Amino acid sequence: MSMEEFPLSDVYQLLEPGPVVLLTTAHRNAQGHADKARQNVMTMSWHMMVEFTPPTLACIVSAADHSFLALRASGECVIAIPAVELAANVVGIGNCSGRDIDKFDKYKLTRAKAAKVRAPLIADCFANLECKVIDTRLVDDFNLFVLEVVQAWRDPAQPDPKTIHHQGYGKFAVDGETIILASQMP
């Protein structure tokens, strides 16, 4: 056997569950309304599907992230899925804080109105998932939110997008060749 020991601190690089996404939130102002100036976007790669119907996912949003308080208070967000063409913006968004700047403006992201949540869609992304928080039992211990997708959108002008997958320390893999194998699942 030619296996070698692997650092526990780097295990996440082997198990990243899916594409890097953008999570948008909307803080409410004193009148209880979400306004453009209180919207934020963050880069996120720690997420996973939990259930098919209704579509349910779990994600980790660090309590240190500016979006954490908005997600916890509003109970809703948008998961926007960018194609590789937005990779530089996705990394830039992940390397700054919405406490300091408006990341939508800085990275020239096109906001679009969501149908069922206050957080904005990102029109530049090939898919957007409007989500409501349905379980916060693991937030205090693990920063883990369970979300139900209540509305989904896909851009038909981006029919074959390639997503990016974080492998740690600035390294990303890009979706490759698609293969189709027979499935016996319904």
N, C-alpha and C. Protein backbone atom coordinates (compact mmCIF):
# COMPACT_ATOMS: atom_id res chain seq x y z
N MET A 1 0.84 -1.18 0.00
CA MET A 1 0.00 0.00 0.00
C MET A 1 0.88 1.24 0.00
N SER A 2 0.53 2.21 -0.83
CA SER A 2 1.36 3.41 -0.93
C SER A 2 0.64 4.66 -0.41
N MET A 3 -0.25 4.48 0.54
CA MET A 3 -0.95 5.62 1.14
C MET A 3 -0.01 6.35 2.08
N GLU A 4 -0.22 7.66 2.20
CA GLU A 4 0.53 8.43 3.18
C GLU A 4 -0.45 9.21 4.04
N GLU A 5 -0.01 9.55 5.21
CA GLU A 5 -0.86 10.29 6.14
C GLU A 5 -1.23 11.63 5.54
N PHE A 6 -2.48 12.08 5.80
CA PHE A 6 -2.99 13.34 5.26
C PHE A 6 -3.40 14.23 6.43
N PRO A 7 -3.05 15.52 6.41
CA PRO A 7 -3.37 16.40 7.55
C PRO A 7 -4.88 16.54 7.77
N LEU A 8 -5.32 16.36 8.99
CA LEU A 8 -6.74 16.49 9.32
C LEU A 8 -7.26 17.87 8.97
N SER A 9 -6.44 18.89 9.11
CA SER A 9 -6.88 20.26 8.82
C SER A 9 -7.18 20.47 7.34
N ASP A 10 -6.77 19.55 6.48
CA ASP A 10 -6.99 19.68 5.04
C ASP A 10 -8.04 18.71 4.49
N VAL A 11 -8.69 17.94 5.36
CA VAL A 11 -9.68 16.96 4.91
C VAL A 11 -10.79 17.63 4.10
N TYR A 12 -11.20 18.84 4.49
CA TYR A 12 -12.28 19.52 3.76
C TYR A 12 -11.98 19.66 2.27
N GLN A 13 -10.71 19.74 1.91
CA GLN A 13 -10.33 19.87 0.50
C GLN A 13 -10.72 18.63 -0.30
N LEU A 14 -10.83 17.50 0.34
CA LEU A 14 -11.16 16.25 -0.33
C LEU A 14 -12.67 16.06 -0.47
N LEU A 15 -13.44 16.69 0.40
CA LEU A 15 -14.87 16.40 0.47
C LEU A 15 -15.77 17.57 0.12
N GLU A 16 -15.25 18.63 -0.46
CA GLU A 16 -16.12 19.74 -0.83
C GLU A 16 -17.32 19.19 -1.58
N PRO A 17 -18.53 19.50 -1.13
CA PRO A 17 -19.72 18.81 -1.62
C PRO A 17 -20.27 19.28 -2.97
N GLY A 18 -19.94 20.44 -3.41
CA GLY A 18 -20.54 20.89 -4.66
C GLY A 18 -19.95 22.19 -5.11
N PRO A 19 -20.62 22.84 -6.03
CA PRO A 19 -20.06 24.07 -6.60
C PRO A 19 -20.02 25.21 -5.59
N VAL A 20 -19.09 26.10 -5.79
CA VAL A 20 -19.06 27.33 -5.01
C VAL A 20 -20.30 28.14 -5.41
N VAL A 21 -20.99 28.67 -4.42
CA VAL A 21 -22.21 29.44 -4.67
C VAL A 21 -22.09 30.81 -4.03
N LEU A 22 -23.03 31.66 -4.36
CA LEU A 22 -23.15 32.96 -3.72
C LEU A 22 -24.44 32.96 -2.90
N LEU A 23 -24.37 33.40 -1.66
CA LEU A 23 -25.54 33.48 -0.80
C LEU A 23 -25.88 34.95 -0.61
N THR A 24 -27.11 35.33 -0.94
CA THR A 24 -27.53 36.72 -0.72
C THR A 24 -28.50 36.78 0.44
N THR A 25 -28.41 37.90 1.16
CA THR A 25 -29.31 38.15 2.29
C THR A 25 -29.78 39.59 2.21
N ALA A 26 -30.80 39.89 3.00
CA ALA A 26 -31.29 41.27 3.09
C ALA A 26 -31.59 41.58 4.55
N HIS A 27 -30.85 42.53 5.11
CA HIS A 27 -31.16 43.03 6.45
C HIS A 27 -32.41 43.88 6.33
N ARG A 28 -33.18 43.91 7.38
CA ARG A 28 -34.37 44.78 7.39
C ARG A 28 -33.99 46.10 8.04
N ASN A 29 -34.54 47.20 7.50
CA ASN A 29 -34.30 48.50 8.11
C ASN A 29 -35.25 48.69 9.30
N ALA A 30 -35.22 49.87 9.92
CA ALA A 30 -36.02 50.12 11.12
C ALA A 30 -37.52 49.95 10.86
N GLN A 31 -37.96 50.15 9.63
CA GLN A 31 -39.37 49.99 9.28
C GLN A 31 -39.72 48.55 8.92
N GLY A 32 -38.72 47.65 8.98
CA GLY A 32 -38.97 46.24 8.68
C GLY A 32 -38.86 45.89 7.22
N HIS A 33 -38.39 46.82 6.38
CA HIS A 33 -38.26 46.57 4.95
C HIS A 33 -36.80 46.30 4.59
N ALA A 34 -36.61 45.46 3.60
CA ALA A 34 -35.25 45.20 3.10
C ALA A 34 -34.97 46.18 1.98
N ASP A 35 -33.92 46.98 2.12
CA ASP A 35 -33.59 47.92 1.06
C ASP A 35 -32.24 47.56 0.45
N LYS A 36 -31.98 48.12 -0.73
CA LYS A 36 -30.76 47.80 -1.49
C LYS A 36 -29.50 47.99 -0.65
N ALA A 37 -29.47 49.04 0.14
CA ALA A 37 -28.28 49.35 0.92
C ALA A 37 -28.01 48.31 2.01
N ARG A 38 -28.98 47.49 2.34
CA ARG A 38 -28.82 46.51 3.40
C ARG A 38 -28.72 45.09 2.87
N GLN A 39 -28.52 44.94 1.56
CA GLN A 39 -28.36 43.61 0.96
C GLN A 39 -26.89 43.23 0.97
N ASN A 40 -26.64 41.92 1.08
CA ASN A 40 -25.25 41.45 1.08
C ASN A 40 -25.15 40.16 0.27
N VAL A 41 -23.95 39.89 -0.17
CA VAL A 41 -23.65 38.65 -0.88
C VAL A 41 -22.35 38.09 -0.32
N MET A 42 -22.31 36.78 -0.13
CA MET A 42 -21.10 36.13 0.35
C MET A 42 -20.84 34.89 -0.50
N THR A 43 -19.59 34.48 -0.55
CA THR A 43 -19.21 33.25 -1.24
C THR A 43 -19.31 32.10 -0.24
N MET A 44 -19.83 30.97 -0.71
CA MET A 44 -20.02 29.83 0.18
C MET A 44 -19.76 28.53 -0.57
N SER A 45 -19.02 27.63 0.06
CA SER A 45 -18.81 26.32 -0.56
C SER A 45 -19.20 25.18 0.38
N TRP A 46 -19.59 25.49 1.59
CA TRP A 46 -19.95 24.43 2.54
C TRP A 46 -21.46 24.30 2.59
N HIS A 47 -21.97 23.42 1.72
CA HIS A 47 -23.40 23.19 1.61
C HIS A 47 -23.63 21.78 1.09
N MET A 48 -24.86 21.29 1.28
CA MET A 48 -25.19 19.95 0.77
C MET A 48 -26.70 19.81 0.65
N MET A 49 -27.12 18.96 -0.28
CA MET A 49 -28.53 18.60 -0.38
C MET A 49 -28.87 17.70 0.79
N VAL A 50 -30.09 17.86 1.32
CA VAL A 50 -30.55 17.04 2.43
C VAL A 50 -31.73 16.17 1.99
N GLU A 51 -32.60 16.73 1.15
CA GLU A 51 -33.80 16.02 0.72
C GLU A 51 -34.20 16.51 -0.67
N PHE A 52 -34.87 15.61 -1.44
CA PHE A 52 -35.30 15.96 -2.79
C PHE A 52 -36.61 16.74 -2.80
N THR A 53 -37.63 16.23 -2.05
CA THR A 53 -38.95 16.83 -2.08
C THR A 53 -39.45 17.05 -0.67
N PRO A 54 -39.68 18.28 -0.24
CA PRO A 54 -39.30 19.47 -0.98
C PRO A 54 -37.78 19.61 -1.00
N PRO A 55 -37.24 20.31 -2.00
CA PRO A 55 -35.78 20.46 -2.05
C PRO A 55 -35.29 21.17 -0.78
N THR A 56 -34.43 20.47 -0.07
CA THR A 56 -33.93 20.97 1.21
C THR A 56 -32.42 20.85 1.20
N LEU A 57 -31.75 21.87 1.72
CA LEU A 57 -30.30 21.84 1.79
C LEU A 57 -29.83 22.37 3.12
N ALA A 58 -28.61 22.07 3.44
CA ALA A 58 -27.98 22.58 4.66
C ALA A 58 -26.74 23.36 4.25
N CYS A 59 -26.45 24.40 5.00
CA CYS A 59 -25.25 25.18 4.70
C CYS A 59 -24.65 25.72 5.98
N ILE A 60 -23.36 25.96 5.91
CA ILE A 60 -22.62 26.55 7.03
C ILE A 60 -22.36 28.01 6.71
N VAL A 61 -22.81 28.88 7.60
CA VAL A 61 -22.51 30.31 7.51
C VAL A 61 -21.89 30.69 8.84
N SER A 62 -20.63 31.03 8.82
CA SER A 62 -19.90 31.34 10.05
C SER A 62 -20.54 32.52 10.77
N ALA A 63 -20.56 32.43 12.09
CA ALA A 63 -21.07 33.54 12.90
C ALA A 63 -20.22 34.79 12.71
N ALA A 64 -19.00 34.64 12.20
CA ALA A 64 -18.14 35.78 11.93
C ALA A 64 -18.50 36.49 10.62
N ASP A 65 -19.28 35.84 9.77
CA ASP A 65 -19.66 36.43 8.48
C ASP A 65 -20.76 37.48 8.67
N HIS A 66 -20.67 38.54 7.90
CA HIS A 66 -21.67 39.62 7.94
C HIS A 66 -23.07 39.08 7.62
N SER A 67 -23.16 38.08 6.76
CA SER A 67 -24.46 37.51 6.37
C SER A 67 -25.13 36.69 7.47
N PHE A 68 -24.36 36.23 8.45
CA PHE A 68 -24.90 35.36 9.49
C PHE A 68 -26.09 36.00 10.20
N LEU A 69 -25.92 37.23 10.68
CA LEU A 69 -26.99 37.88 11.43
C LEU A 69 -28.22 38.11 10.57
N ALA A 70 -28.02 38.49 9.31
CA ALA A 70 -29.16 38.72 8.41
C ALA A 70 -29.91 37.42 8.15
N LEU A 71 -29.18 36.34 7.93
CA LEU A 71 -29.82 35.05 7.67
C LEU A 71 -30.59 34.59 8.92
N ARG A 72 -29.97 34.75 10.05
CA ARG A 72 -30.62 34.33 11.29
C ARG A 72 -31.86 35.18 11.58
N ALA A 73 -31.76 36.49 11.37
CA ALA A 73 -32.89 37.38 11.68
C ALA A 73 -34.02 37.28 10.66
N SER A 74 -33.67 37.20 9.38
CA SER A 74 -34.69 37.21 8.33
C SER A 74 -35.26 35.82 8.06
N GLY A 75 -34.45 34.80 8.27
CA GLY A 75 -34.89 33.43 8.00
C GLY A 75 -35.04 33.13 6.53
N GLU A 76 -34.32 33.88 5.69
CA GLU A 76 -34.42 33.64 4.25
C GLU A 76 -33.16 34.12 3.53
N CYS A 77 -32.95 33.57 2.32
CA CYS A 77 -31.78 33.93 1.53
C CYS A 77 -31.99 33.45 0.10
N VAL A 78 -31.03 33.75 -0.73
CA VAL A 78 -30.97 33.21 -2.09
C VAL A 78 -29.62 32.53 -2.25
N ILE A 79 -29.64 31.32 -2.81
CA ILE A 79 -28.41 30.65 -3.21
C ILE A 79 -28.31 30.83 -4.72
N ALA A 80 -27.34 31.61 -5.15
CA ALA A 80 -27.12 31.87 -6.58
C ALA A 80 -25.92 31.04 -7.03
N ILE A 81 -26.07 30.35 -8.16
CA ILE A 81 -25.02 29.45 -8.62
C ILE A 81 -24.32 30.07 -9.83
N PRO A 82 -23.07 30.50 -9.67
CA PRO A 82 -22.34 31.14 -10.76
C PRO A 82 -21.62 30.12 -11.64
N ALA A 83 -21.45 30.48 -12.90
CA ALA A 83 -20.61 29.71 -13.81
C ALA A 83 -19.17 30.19 -13.70
N VAL A 84 -18.26 29.45 -14.29
CA VAL A 84 -16.83 29.72 -14.18
C VAL A 84 -16.47 31.14 -14.65
N GLU A 85 -17.24 31.71 -15.54
CA GLU A 85 -16.96 33.07 -16.02
C GLU A 85 -16.98 34.09 -14.89
N LEU A 86 -17.64 33.79 -13.79
CA LEU A 86 -17.69 34.70 -12.66
C LEU A 86 -16.67 34.34 -11.57
N ALA A 87 -15.77 33.42 -11.84
CA ALA A 87 -14.85 32.92 -10.82
C ALA A 87 -14.05 34.02 -10.12
N ALA A 88 -13.51 34.96 -10.87
CA ALA A 88 -12.71 36.02 -10.24
C ALA A 88 -13.58 36.85 -9.30
N ASN A 89 -14.81 37.14 -9.70
CA ASN A 89 -15.72 37.88 -8.82
C ASN A 89 -16.07 37.06 -7.58
N VAL A 90 -16.32 35.77 -7.76
CA VAL A 90 -16.67 34.90 -6.64
C VAL A 90 -15.56 34.90 -5.60
N VAL A 91 -14.31 34.81 -6.04
CA VAL A 91 -13.18 34.83 -5.12
C VAL A 91 -13.07 36.20 -4.46
N GLY A 92 -13.22 37.26 -5.24
CA GLY A 92 -13.17 38.62 -4.67
C GLY A 92 -14.24 38.82 -3.60
N ILE A 93 -15.45 38.36 -3.88
CA ILE A 93 -16.55 38.49 -2.92
C ILE A 93 -16.21 37.75 -1.63
N GLY A 94 -15.56 36.60 -1.77
CA GLY A 94 -15.19 35.81 -0.59
C GLY A 94 -14.04 36.39 0.20
N ASN A 95 -13.35 37.36 -0.36
CA ASN A 95 -12.18 37.93 0.30
C ASN A 95 -12.40 39.34 0.84
N CYS A 96 -13.67 39.74 0.99
CA CYS A 96 -13.97 41.03 1.60
C CYS A 96 -15.27 40.92 2.38
N SER A 97 -15.58 41.93 3.16
CA SER A 97 -16.77 41.88 4.02
C SER A 97 -17.81 42.91 3.60
N GLY A 98 -19.06 42.50 3.65
CA GLY A 98 -20.16 43.41 3.40
C GLY A 98 -20.32 44.45 4.49
N ARG A 99 -19.60 44.29 5.59
CA ARG A 99 -19.61 45.34 6.63
C ARG A 99 -18.94 46.60 6.10
N ASP A 100 -17.99 46.40 5.16
CA ASP A 100 -17.16 47.51 4.70
C ASP A 100 -17.57 48.08 3.35
N ILE A 101 -18.15 47.25 2.48
CA ILE A 101 -18.47 47.70 1.12
C ILE A 101 -19.76 47.05 0.63
N ASP A 102 -20.32 47.63 -0.42
CA ASP A 102 -21.44 47.01 -1.12
C ASP A 102 -20.84 46.11 -2.19
N LYS A 103 -20.85 44.81 -1.94
CA LYS A 103 -20.20 43.86 -2.86
C LYS A 103 -20.94 43.76 -4.19
N PHE A 104 -22.24 44.00 -4.20
CA PHE A 104 -22.98 43.99 -5.47
C PHE A 104 -22.42 45.07 -6.40
N ASP A 105 -22.22 46.26 -5.85
CA ASP A 105 -21.68 47.36 -6.66
C ASP A 105 -20.22 47.12 -7.03
N LYS A 106 -19.41 46.74 -6.05
CA LYS A 106 -17.98 46.55 -6.31
C LYS A 106 -17.74 45.51 -7.40
N TYR A 107 -18.52 44.42 -7.41
CA TYR A 107 -18.31 43.33 -8.37
C TYR A 107 -19.32 43.35 -9.52
N LYS A 108 -20.04 44.47 -9.62
CA LYS A 108 -20.97 44.71 -10.74
C LYS A 108 -21.94 43.54 -10.96
N LEU A 109 -22.52 43.09 -9.87
CA LEU A 109 -23.52 42.02 -9.95
C LEU A 109 -24.89 42.63 -10.20
N THR A 110 -25.68 41.99 -11.03
CA THR A 110 -27.00 42.48 -11.37
C THR A 110 -28.03 41.88 -10.41
N ARG A 111 -28.63 42.74 -9.59
CA ARG A 111 -29.67 42.30 -8.65
C ARG A 111 -30.98 42.12 -9.41
N ALA A 112 -31.74 41.13 -9.01
CA ALA A 112 -33.09 40.93 -9.55
C ALA A 112 -34.01 40.63 -8.37
N LYS A 113 -35.25 41.04 -8.50
CA LYS A 113 -36.22 40.84 -7.42
C LYS A 113 -36.64 39.37 -7.35
N ALA A 114 -36.58 38.84 -6.16
CA ALA A 114 -37.04 37.47 -5.92
C ALA A 114 -38.56 37.48 -5.78
N ALA A 115 -39.16 36.31 -5.96
CA ALA A 115 -40.61 36.19 -5.87
C ALA A 115 -41.11 35.93 -4.45
N LYS A 116 -40.32 35.18 -3.65
CA LYS A 116 -40.83 34.73 -2.35
C LYS A 116 -39.96 35.10 -1.16
N VAL A 117 -38.82 35.74 -1.40
CA VAL A 117 -37.95 36.18 -0.30
C VAL A 117 -37.49 37.60 -0.57
N ARG A 118 -36.99 38.26 0.46
CA ARG A 118 -36.52 39.65 0.29
C ARG A 118 -35.11 39.75 -0.27
N ALA A 119 -34.31 38.72 -0.07
CA ALA A 119 -32.94 38.74 -0.59
C ALA A 119 -33.00 38.76 -2.13
N PRO A 120 -32.03 39.42 -2.77
CA PRO A 120 -32.08 39.52 -4.23
C PRO A 120 -31.52 38.28 -4.94
N LEU A 121 -32.05 38.03 -6.12
CA LEU A 121 -31.45 37.08 -7.04
C LEU A 121 -30.22 37.75 -7.64
N ILE A 122 -29.33 36.97 -8.23
CA ILE A 122 -28.20 37.52 -8.99
C ILE A 122 -28.40 37.09 -10.43
N ALA A 123 -28.80 38.02 -11.27
CA ALA A 123 -29.14 37.72 -12.66
C ALA A 123 -27.96 37.19 -13.45
N ASP A 124 -26.74 37.48 -13.02
CA ASP A 124 -25.53 37.03 -13.72
C ASP A 124 -25.28 35.53 -13.53
N CYS A 125 -25.91 34.93 -12.54
CA CYS A 125 -25.72 33.52 -12.24
C CYS A 125 -26.69 32.68 -13.08
N PHE A 126 -26.32 31.43 -13.37
CA PHE A 126 -27.17 30.60 -14.22
C PHE A 126 -28.35 30.00 -13.47
N ALA A 127 -28.31 30.00 -12.14
CA ALA A 127 -29.44 29.51 -11.36
C ALA A 127 -29.50 30.28 -10.05
N ASN A 128 -30.72 30.43 -9.55
CA ASN A 128 -30.98 31.09 -8.27
C ASN A 128 -32.03 30.28 -7.52
N LEU A 129 -31.79 30.05 -6.24
CA LEU A 129 -32.70 29.29 -5.40
C LEU A 129 -33.16 30.17 -4.24
N GLU A 130 -34.43 30.50 -4.21
CA GLU A 130 -34.97 31.27 -3.10
C GLU A 130 -35.22 30.29 -1.95
N CYS A 131 -34.71 30.62 -0.77
CA CYS A 131 -34.75 29.68 0.35
C CYS A 131 -35.30 30.31 1.61
N LYS A 132 -35.97 29.47 2.40
CA LYS A 132 -36.44 29.85 3.74
C LYS A 132 -35.77 28.91 4.74
N VAL A 133 -35.30 29.48 5.84
CA VAL A 133 -34.70 28.68 6.91
C VAL A 133 -35.81 27.88 7.58
N ILE A 134 -35.63 26.56 7.66
CA ILE A 134 -36.65 25.72 8.29
C ILE A 134 -36.15 25.03 9.57
N ASP A 135 -34.85 25.12 9.84
CA ASP A 135 -34.33 24.48 11.05
C ASP A 135 -33.05 25.19 11.47
N THR A 136 -33.02 25.64 12.72
CA THR A 136 -31.84 26.33 13.26
C THR A 136 -31.26 25.62 14.48
N ARG A 137 -31.67 24.38 14.72
CA ARG A 137 -31.22 23.68 15.93
C ARG A 137 -29.70 23.52 15.99
N LEU A 138 -29.02 23.48 14.86
CA LEU A 138 -27.57 23.29 14.86
C LEU A 138 -26.78 24.58 14.60
N VAL A 139 -27.47 25.71 14.59
CA VAL A 139 -26.80 26.98 14.33
C VAL A 139 -25.87 27.35 15.47
N ASP A 140 -26.33 27.27 16.70
CA ASP A 140 -25.48 27.68 17.83
C ASP A 140 -24.21 26.85 17.95
N ASP A 141 -24.33 25.55 17.70
CA ASP A 141 -23.16 24.67 17.85
C ASP A 141 -22.28 24.60 16.60
N PHE A 142 -22.91 24.62 15.40
CA PHE A 142 -22.15 24.35 14.18
C PHE A 142 -22.35 25.37 13.07
N ASN A 143 -23.11 26.45 13.32
CA ASN A 143 -23.41 27.45 12.28
C ASN A 143 -24.12 26.83 11.08
N LEU A 144 -24.87 25.75 11.31
CA LEU A 144 -25.53 25.02 10.23
C LEU A 144 -27.01 25.39 10.14
N PHE A 145 -27.38 25.93 9.00
CA PHE A 145 -28.77 26.30 8.71
C PHE A 145 -29.35 25.25 7.76
N VAL A 146 -30.59 24.85 8.00
CA VAL A 146 -31.30 23.97 7.07
C VAL A 146 -32.31 24.84 6.33
N LEU A 147 -32.25 24.78 5.00
CA LEU A 147 -33.05 25.65 4.15
C LEU A 147 -33.97 24.84 3.25
N GLU A 148 -35.17 25.35 3.02
CA GLU A 148 -36.06 24.76 2.02
C GLU A 148 -36.08 25.70 0.82
N VAL A 149 -35.89 25.13 -0.36
CA VAL A 149 -35.98 25.93 -1.59
C VAL A 149 -37.46 26.11 -1.89
N VAL A 150 -37.89 27.39 -1.94
CA VAL A 150 -39.31 27.69 -2.16
C VAL A 150 -39.59 28.19 -3.57
N GLN A 151 -38.54 28.56 -4.29
CA GLN A 151 -38.67 29.00 -5.69
C GLN A 151 -37.31 28.82 -6.35
N ALA A 152 -37.30 28.30 -7.55
CA ALA A 152 -36.02 28.09 -8.27
C ALA A 152 -36.10 28.75 -9.63
N TRP A 153 -34.96 29.28 -10.08
CA TRP A 153 -34.86 29.97 -11.37
C TRP A 153 -33.63 29.47 -12.10
N ARG A 154 -33.71 29.39 -13.43
CA ARG A 154 -32.56 29.01 -14.26
C ARG A 154 -32.54 29.92 -15.48
N ASP A 155 -31.35 30.37 -15.88
CA ASP A 155 -31.19 31.26 -17.03
C ASP A 155 -31.04 30.41 -18.29
N PRO A 156 -32.03 30.43 -19.20
CA PRO A 156 -31.93 29.63 -20.42
C PRO A 156 -30.82 30.10 -21.36
N ALA A 157 -30.31 31.31 -21.16
CA ALA A 157 -29.21 31.82 -21.98
C ALA A 157 -27.87 31.20 -21.58
N GLN A 158 -27.85 30.46 -20.47
CA GLN A 158 -26.64 29.76 -20.02
C GLN A 158 -26.96 28.26 -19.95
N PRO A 159 -27.09 27.59 -21.11
CA PRO A 159 -27.57 26.21 -21.14
C PRO A 159 -26.57 25.16 -20.64
N ASP A 160 -25.27 25.42 -20.70
CA ASP A 160 -24.29 24.42 -20.31
C ASP A 160 -23.21 25.05 -19.43
N PRO A 161 -23.59 25.58 -18.27
CA PRO A 161 -22.61 26.27 -17.44
C PRO A 161 -21.62 25.31 -16.79
N LYS A 162 -20.43 25.78 -16.61
CA LYS A 162 -19.39 25.04 -15.88
C LYS A 162 -19.24 25.70 -14.52
N THR A 163 -19.35 24.91 -13.47
CA THR A 163 -19.24 25.45 -12.12
C THR A 163 -17.82 25.30 -11.60
N ILE A 164 -17.53 26.04 -10.53
CA ILE A 164 -16.22 25.93 -9.90
C ILE A 164 -16.38 25.25 -8.55
N HIS A 165 -15.35 24.49 -8.17
CA HIS A 165 -15.38 23.72 -6.93
C HIS A 165 -14.10 24.02 -6.15
N HIS A 166 -14.28 24.49 -4.92
CA HIS A 166 -13.15 24.91 -4.09
C HIS A 166 -12.36 23.70 -3.60
N GLN A 167 -11.05 23.77 -3.74
CA GLN A 167 -10.18 22.70 -3.25
C GLN A 167 -9.21 23.20 -2.19
N GLY A 168 -9.43 24.42 -1.73
CA GLY A 168 -8.61 24.97 -0.65
C GLY A 168 -7.49 25.85 -1.13
N TYR A 169 -7.22 26.87 -0.33
CA TYR A 169 -6.07 27.76 -0.52
C TYR A 169 -5.99 28.34 -1.94
N GLY A 170 -7.14 28.81 -2.46
CA GLY A 170 -7.16 29.46 -3.76
C GLY A 170 -7.17 28.53 -4.95
N LYS A 171 -7.27 27.23 -4.72
CA LYS A 171 -7.29 26.25 -5.81
C LYS A 171 -8.73 25.82 -6.08
N PHE A 172 -9.12 25.82 -7.36
CA PHE A 172 -10.47 25.46 -7.76
C PHE A 172 -10.42 24.47 -8.92
N ALA A 173 -11.38 23.56 -8.94
CA ALA A 173 -11.57 22.68 -10.10
C ALA A 173 -12.77 23.21 -10.86
N VAL A 174 -12.75 23.06 -12.17
CA VAL A 174 -13.86 23.47 -13.02
C VAL A 174 -14.53 22.21 -13.53
N ASP A 175 -15.88 22.22 -13.55
CA ASP A 175 -16.61 21.08 -14.10
C ASP A 175 -15.97 20.63 -15.40
N GLY A 176 -15.92 19.35 -15.59
CA GLY A 176 -15.33 18.79 -16.80
C GLY A 176 -16.37 18.15 -17.68
N GLU A 177 -15.96 17.10 -18.33
CA GLU A 177 -16.81 16.37 -19.26
C GLU A 177 -18.02 15.79 -18.54
N THR A 178 -19.17 15.83 -19.20
CA THR A 178 -20.39 15.22 -18.66
C THR A 178 -20.56 13.84 -19.27
N ILE A 179 -20.81 12.86 -18.42
CA ILE A 179 -21.09 11.51 -18.91
C ILE A 179 -22.48 11.10 -18.45
N ILE A 180 -23.15 10.27 -19.18
CA ILE A 180 -24.47 9.80 -18.81
C ILE A 180 -24.41 8.28 -18.71
N LEU A 181 -24.77 7.77 -17.54
CA LEU A 181 -24.80 6.33 -17.28
C LEU A 181 -26.22 5.95 -16.88
N ALA A 182 -26.66 4.79 -17.31
CA ALA A 182 -28.01 4.34 -17.02
C ALA A 182 -28.26 4.31 -15.51
N SER A 183 -29.43 4.75 -15.09
CA SER A 183 -29.80 4.74 -13.68
C SER A 183 -31.05 3.90 -13.50
N GLN A 184 -31.08 3.14 -12.42
CA GLN A 184 -32.27 2.33 -12.10
C GLN A 184 -33.15 3.03 -11.08
N MET A 185 -32.75 4.22 -10.67
CA MET A 185 -33.53 4.97 -9.68
C MET A 185 -34.70 5.65 -10.37
N PRO A 186 -35.86 5.73 -9.70
CA PRO A 186 -37.03 6.39 -10.31
C PRO A 186 -36.83 7.88 -10.45
